[in-house]
Amino acid sequence: MSDPIDLVRARLRDVPDFPKPGILFKDITPVLGDAAAFSAALDALVAYAAPLSITRVLGVEARGFILGAAVATRMNLGFVPARKPGKLPAKVDRVTYALEYGSDSLELHVGSFAPGERVLVVDDVIATGGTAAAAIALAERQGAVVAGAAFLIELASLGGRARLPPATDVFAVLTY
């Protein structure tokens, strides 16, 4: 394939009825398992992030850890994990949010960001936007400036961008 993004698209796998009936899950694990596809995805994310003058990357559990940590490493930046409840050992801040198939919460260590620090939020998919909005809220509560939010996949029909703060710059490698 001549276009690296076509390679990424070709490696995605649709899994029907996961995590519950009626949901068509976009599985990125075949992308991660193919070195060329994974590298192409990271190249696109880094190209988006490079002009944003970010100082750290916030990755959302769990697939956002993989993508976010790799982006942070390629950009020689630190990485901050946003975790599910009860996974972080020190004092945390928590946001509960709605998903397209229920609700969940994210936690961030208190003191993860210095005031004014420029942050890139990274996750695998933006669907209804609840998870990304929660991650942004957690970073902003600590005084960070969210310079952008980057995703491997956007499910545009679910309207996730509209749930993010209006000034949020959003990028997706692939849009469905």
C-alpha atoms as a PDB file:
ATOM      1  CA  MET A   1       0.000   0.000   0.000  1.00  0.00           C
ATOM      2  CA  SER A   2       1.411   3.355  -0.960  1.00  0.00           C
ATOM      3  CA  ASP A   3      -0.455   5.488   1.609  1.00  0.00           C
ATOM      4  CA  PRO A   4       0.621   4.682   5.189  1.00  0.00           C
ATOM      5  CA  ILE A   5      -2.821   5.654   6.513  1.00  0.00           C
ATOM      6  CA  ASP A   6      -4.400   3.090   4.173  1.00  0.00           C
ATOM      7  CA  LEU A   7      -2.209   0.500   5.885  1.00  0.00           C
ATOM      8  CA  VAL A   8      -3.537   1.594   9.287  1.00  0.00           C
ATOM      9  CA  ARG A   9      -7.123   1.431   7.998  1.00  0.00           C
ATOM     10  CA  ALA A  10      -6.539  -2.031   6.509  1.00  0.00           C
ATOM     11  CA  ARG A  11      -5.270  -3.384   9.839  1.00  0.00           C
ATOM     12  CA  LEU A  12      -8.289  -2.274  11.910  1.00  0.00           C
ATOM     13  CA  ARG A  13     -10.709  -5.043  12.865  1.00  0.00           C
ATOM     14  CA  ASP A  14     -14.450  -4.619  13.464  1.00  0.00           C
ATOM     15  CA  VAL A  15     -15.789  -6.702  16.351  1.00  0.00           C
ATOM     16  CA  PRO A  16     -19.601  -6.783  16.462  1.00  0.00           C
ATOM     17  CA  ASP A  17     -21.491  -6.829  19.768  1.00  0.00           C
ATOM     18  CA  PHE A  18     -18.526  -5.830  21.945  1.00  0.00           C
ATOM     19  CA  PRO A  19     -18.533  -4.861  24.763  1.00  0.00           C
ATOM     20  CA  LYS A  20     -22.288  -5.407  24.566  1.00  0.00           C
ATOM     21  CA  PRO A  21     -24.904  -6.192  21.899  1.00  0.00           C
ATOM     22  CA  GLY A  22     -25.381  -3.483  19.286  1.00  0.00           C
ATOM     23  CA  ILE A  23     -21.882  -1.984  19.616  1.00  0.00           C
ATOM     24  CA  LEU A  24     -19.462  -2.332  16.685  1.00  0.00           C
ATOM     25  CA  PHE A  25     -16.035  -2.159  18.332  1.00  0.00           C
ATOM     26  CA  LYS A  26     -13.072  -0.853  16.324  1.00  0.00           C
ATOM     27  CA  ASP A  27     -10.199  -3.092  17.461  1.00  0.00           C
ATOM     28  CA  ILE A  28      -6.773  -1.485  17.083  1.00  0.00           C
ATOM     29  CA  THR A  29      -4.740  -4.501  18.245  1.00  0.00           C
ATOM     30  CA  PRO A  30      -3.990  -5.616  14.654  1.00  0.00           C
ATOM     31  CA  VAL A  31      -2.586  -2.122  14.011  1.00  0.00           C
ATOM     32  CA  LEU A  32      -0.378  -2.430  17.089  1.00  0.00           C
ATOM     33  CA  GLY A  33       0.776  -5.879  15.980  1.00  0.00           C
ATOM     34  CA  ASP A  34       1.972  -4.642  12.585  1.00  0.00           C
ATOM     35  CA  ALA A  35       5.156  -2.589  12.960  1.00  0.00           C
ATOM     36  CA  ALA A  36       4.591  -0.604   9.758  1.00  0.00           C
ATOM     37  CA  ALA A  37       0.939   0.204  10.564  1.00  0.00           C
ATOM     38  CA  PHE A  38       1.752   1.125  14.170  1.00  0.00           C
ATOM     39  CA  SER A  39       4.607   3.353  13.027  1.00  0.00           C
ATOM     40  CA  ALA A  40       2.363   5.036  10.424  1.00  0.00           C
ATOM     41  CA  ALA A  41      -0.267   5.746  13.081  1.00  0.00           C
ATOM     42  CA  LEU A  42       2.368   7.215  15.397  1.00  0.00           C
ATOM     43  CA  ASP A  43       3.846   9.293  12.567  1.00  0.00           C
ATOM     44  CA  ALA A  44       0.414  10.871  11.971  1.00  0.00           C
ATOM     45  CA  LEU A  45      -0.152  11.572  15.676  1.00  0.00           C
ATOM     46  CA  VAL A  46       3.319  13.102  16.117  1.00  0.00           C
ATOM     47  CA  ALA A  47       2.940  15.226  12.963  1.00  0.00           C
ATOM     48  CA  TYR A  48      -0.273  16.646  14.444  1.00  0.00           C
ATOM     49  CA  ALA A  49       1.273  17.234  17.884  1.00  0.00           C
ATOM     50  CA  ALA A  50       4.621  18.700  16.811  1.00  0.00           C
ATOM     51  CA  PRO A  51       3.457  22.297  16.182  1.00  0.00           C
ATOM     52  CA  LEU A  52       1.371  22.433  19.392  1.00  0.00           C
ATOM     53  CA  SER A  53       4.363  23.101  21.691  1.00  0.00           C
ATOM     54  CA  ILE A  54       3.199  20.473  24.173  1.00  0.00           C
ATOM     55  CA  THR A  55       5.211  19.633  27.265  1.00  0.00           C
ATOM     56  CA  ARG A  56       3.513  16.337  28.206  1.00  0.00           C
ATOM     57  CA  VAL A  57       1.169  13.678  26.912  1.00  0.00           C
ATOM     58  CA  LEU A  58      -1.848  12.430  28.862  1.00  0.00           C
ATOM     59  CA  GLY A  59      -2.906   8.926  27.782  1.00  0.00           C
ATOM     60  CA  VAL A  60      -6.301   7.479  28.636  1.00  0.00           C
ATOM     61  CA  GLU A  61      -6.576   3.902  29.941  1.00  0.00           C
ATOM     62  CA  ALA A  62      -5.981   1.507  28.367  1.00  0.00           C
ATOM     63  CA  ARG A  63      -5.257   1.778  24.645  1.00  0.00           C
ATOM     64  CA  GLY A  64      -4.503   5.474  25.041  1.00  0.00           C
ATOM     65  CA  PHE A  65      -1.558   4.380  27.208  1.00  0.00           C
ATOM     66  CA  ILE A  66      -0.042   2.519  24.291  1.00  0.00           C
ATOM     67  CA  LEU A  67      -0.478   5.326  21.784  1.00  0.00           C
ATOM     68  CA  GLY A  68       0.194   8.172  24.217  1.00  0.00           C
ATOM     69  CA  ALA A  69       3.354   6.677  25.704  1.00  0.00           C
ATOM     70  CA  ALA A  70       4.720   5.995  22.231  1.00  0.00           C
ATOM     71  CA  VAL A  71       3.939   9.570  21.102  1.00  0.00           C
ATOM     72  CA  ALA A  72       5.558  10.956  24.269  1.00  0.00           C
ATOM     73  CA  THR A  73       8.675   8.851  23.681  1.00  0.00           C
ATOM     74  CA  ARG A  74       8.965   9.921  20.043  1.00  0.00           C
ATOM     75  CA  MET A  75       8.629  13.573  21.109  1.00  0.00           C
ATOM     76  CA  ASN A  76      10.991  13.207  24.104  1.00  0.00           C
ATOM     77  CA  LEU A  77       8.226  14.227  26.534  1.00  0.00           C
ATOM     78  CA  GLY A  78       6.865  12.883  29.784  1.00  0.00           C
ATOM     79  CA  PHE A  79       3.733  10.740  29.928  1.00  0.00           C
ATOM     80  CA  VAL A  80       0.842  10.956  32.416  1.00  0.00           C
ATOM     81  CA  PRO A  81      -1.726   8.133  32.707  1.00  0.00           C
ATOM     82  CA  ALA A  82      -5.435   8.787  33.270  1.00  0.00           C
ATOM     83  CA  ARG A  83      -6.632   5.604  34.979  1.00  0.00           C
ATOM     84  CA  LYS A  84      -9.801   3.799  35.957  1.00  0.00           C
ATOM     85  CA  PRO A  85     -10.718   4.161  39.657  1.00  0.00           C
ATOM     86  CA  GLY A  86      -8.542   2.517  42.267  1.00  0.00           C
ATOM     87  CA  LYS A  87      -5.460   2.017  40.061  1.00  0.00           C
ATOM     88  CA  LEU A  88      -3.337   5.020  41.089  1.00  0.00           C
ATOM     89  CA  PRO A  89      -1.509   4.804  44.446  1.00  0.00           C
ATOM     90  CA  ALA A  90      -1.385   8.463  45.519  1.00  0.00           C
ATOM     91  CA  LYS A  91      -4.033  11.162  46.022  1.00  0.00           C
ATOM     92  CA  VAL A  92      -6.297  11.447  42.972  1.00  0.00           C
ATOM     93  CA  ASP A  93      -8.913  13.649  41.375  1.00  0.00           C
ATOM     94  CA  ARG A  94     -11.850  11.834  39.724  1.00  0.00           C
ATOM     95  CA  VAL A  95     -14.377  12.623  36.999  1.00  0.00           C
ATOM     96  CA  THR A  96     -17.361  10.367  36.232  1.00  0.00           C
ATOM     97  CA  TYR A  97     -18.720  10.478  32.685  1.00  0.00           C
ATOM     98  CA  ALA A  98     -21.225   8.820  30.347  1.00  0.00           C
ATOM     99  CA  LEU A  99     -20.221   6.338  27.648  1.00  0.00           C
ATOM    100  CA  GLU A 100     -22.205   5.182  24.646  1.00  0.00           C
ATOM    101  CA  TYR A 101     -22.840   1.959  26.599  1.00  0.00           C
ATOM    102  CA  GLY A 102     -22.910   3.064  30.288  1.00  0.00           C
ATOM    103  CA  SER A 103     -20.810   5.219  32.613  1.00  0.00           C
ATOM    104  CA  ASP A 104     -17.278   5.176  33.957  1.00  0.00           C
ATOM    105  CA  SER A 105     -14.751   7.292  35.842  1.00  0.00           C
ATOM    106  CA  LEU A 106     -11.199   8.468  35.265  1.00  0.00           C
ATOM    107  CA  GLU A 107      -8.622   9.433  37.850  1.00  0.00           C
ATOM    108  CA  LEU A 108      -5.448  11.452  37.658  1.00  0.00           C
ATOM    109  CA  HIS A 109      -2.830  11.902  40.360  1.00  0.00           C
ATOM    110  CA  VAL A 110      -3.153  15.298  41.989  1.00  0.00           C
ATOM    111  CA  GLY A 111      -0.128  17.346  40.923  1.00  0.00           C
ATOM    112  CA  SER A 112       0.353  15.590  37.581  1.00  0.00           C
ATOM    113  CA  PHE A 113       0.635  18.930  35.774  1.00  0.00           C
ATOM    114  CA  ALA A 114       2.085  22.320  36.595  1.00  0.00           C
ATOM    115  CA  PRO A 115      -0.172  25.324  35.981  1.00  0.00           C
ATOM    116  CA  GLY A 116       0.085  26.418  32.356  1.00  0.00           C
ATOM    117  CA  GLU A 117       1.694  23.190  31.185  1.00  0.00           C
ATOM    118  CA  ARG A 118       0.682  22.361  27.591  1.00  0.00           C
ATOM    119  CA  VAL A 119      -0.811  18.895  27.306  1.00  0.00           C
ATOM    120  CA  LEU A 120      -1.868  16.589  24.490  1.00  0.00           C
ATOM    121  CA  VAL A 121      -4.667  14.137  25.371  1.00  0.00           C
ATOM    122  CA  VAL A 122      -4.343  10.838  23.477  1.00  0.00           C
ATOM    123  CA  ASP A 123      -6.778   7.934  23.203  1.00  0.00           C
ATOM    124  CA  ASP A 124      -7.548   5.270  20.644  1.00  0.00           C
ATOM    125  CA  VAL A 125     -11.141   6.293  19.816  1.00  0.00           C
ATOM    126  CA  ILE A 126     -13.407   9.288  20.253  1.00  0.00           C
ATOM    127  CA  ALA A 127     -17.006   8.117  20.117  1.00  0.00           C
ATOM    128  CA  THR A 128     -19.493  10.058  22.255  1.00  0.00           C
ATOM    129  CA  GLY A 129     -16.671  12.149  23.732  1.00  0.00           C
ATOM    130  CA  GLY A 130     -17.281  11.382  27.402  1.00  0.00           C
ATOM    131  CA  THR A 131     -13.888   9.842  28.085  1.00  0.00           C
ATOM    132  CA  ALA A 132     -11.990  12.601  26.297  1.00  0.00           C
ATOM    133  CA  ALA A 133     -14.047  15.307  28.029  1.00  0.00           C
ATOM    134  CA  ALA A 134     -13.255  13.719  31.407  1.00  0.00           C
ATOM    135  CA  ALA A 135      -9.523  13.574  30.637  1.00  0.00           C
ATOM    136  CA  ILE A 136      -9.553  17.212  29.529  1.00  0.00           C
ATOM    137  CA  ALA A 137     -11.443  18.244  32.669  1.00  0.00           C
ATOM    138  CA  LEU A 138      -8.931  16.457  34.891  1.00  0.00           C
ATOM    139  CA  ALA A 139      -5.956  18.141  33.203  1.00  0.00           C
ATOM    140  CA  GLU A 140      -7.601  21.571  33.288  1.00  0.00           C
ATOM    141  CA  ARG A 141      -8.465  21.211  37.001  1.00  0.00           C
ATOM    142  CA  GLN A 142      -4.727  21.086  37.618  1.00  0.00           C
ATOM    143  CA  GLY A 143      -4.181  24.241  35.606  1.00  0.00           C
ATOM    144  CA  ALA A 144      -2.876  22.550  32.475  1.00  0.00           C
ATOM    145  CA  VAL A 145      -3.702  23.921  29.045  1.00  0.00           C
ATOM    146  CA  VAL A 146      -5.012  21.199  26.760  1.00  0.00           C
ATOM    147  CA  ALA A 147      -3.315  22.086  23.472  1.00  0.00           C
ATOM    148  CA  GLY A 148      -5.019  19.273  21.590  1.00  0.00           C
ATOM    149  CA  ALA A 149      -6.759  15.924  21.693  1.00  0.00           C
ATOM    150  CA  ALA A 150      -5.566  13.199  19.315  1.00  0.00           C
ATOM    151  CA  PHE A 151      -7.192   9.899  18.456  1.00  0.00           C
ATOM    152  CA  LEU A 152      -6.461   7.015  16.153  1.00  0.00           C
ATOM    153  CA  ILE A 153     -10.178   6.771  15.258  1.00  0.00           C
ATOM    154  CA  GLU A 154     -13.133   9.145  15.348  1.00  0.00           C
ATOM    155  CA  LEU A 155     -16.656   7.731  15.110  1.00  0.00           C
ATOM    156  CA  ALA A 156     -18.086  10.978  13.752  1.00  0.00           C
ATOM    157  CA  SER A 157     -21.739   9.909  13.759  1.00  0.00           C
ATOM    158  CA  LEU A 158     -21.660   9.726  17.568  1.00  0.00           C
ATOM    159  CA  GLY A 159     -20.808  13.440  17.863  1.00  0.00           C
ATOM    160  CA  GLY A 160     -17.950  13.216  20.355  1.00  0.00           C
ATOM    161  CA  ARG A 161     -16.288  16.466  19.277  1.00  0.00           C
ATOM    162  CA  ALA A 162     -19.373  18.406  20.344  1.00  0.00           C
ATOM    163  CA  ARG A 163     -18.973  17.175  23.950  1.00  0.00           C
ATOM    164  CA  LEU A 164     -15.461  18.596  24.258  1.00  0.00           C
ATOM    165  CA  PRO A 165     -14.789  22.181  25.335  1.00  0.00           C
ATOM    166  CA  PRO A 166     -15.342  24.442  22.285  1.00  0.00           C
ATOM    167  CA  ALA A 167     -11.712  25.562  22.057  1.00  0.00           C
ATOM    168  CA  THR A 168     -10.341  21.999  21.957  1.00  0.00           C
ATOM    169  CA  ASP A 169      -8.308  21.253  18.857  1.00  0.00           C
ATOM    170  CA  VAL A 170      -9.194  17.694  17.801  1.00  0.00           C
ATOM    171  CA  PHE A 171      -7.346  15.368  15.439  1.00  0.00           C
ATOM    172  CA  ALA A 172      -8.142  11.821  14.304  1.00  0.00           C
ATOM    173  CA  VAL A 173      -5.951   9.699  12.079  1.00  0.00           C
ATOM    174  CA  LEU A 174      -9.067   7.932  10.715  1.00  0.00           C
ATOM    175  CA  THR A 175     -12.695   9.066  10.711  1.00  0.00           C
ATOM    176  CA  TYR A 176     -15.694   6.767  10.306  1.00  0.00           C
END
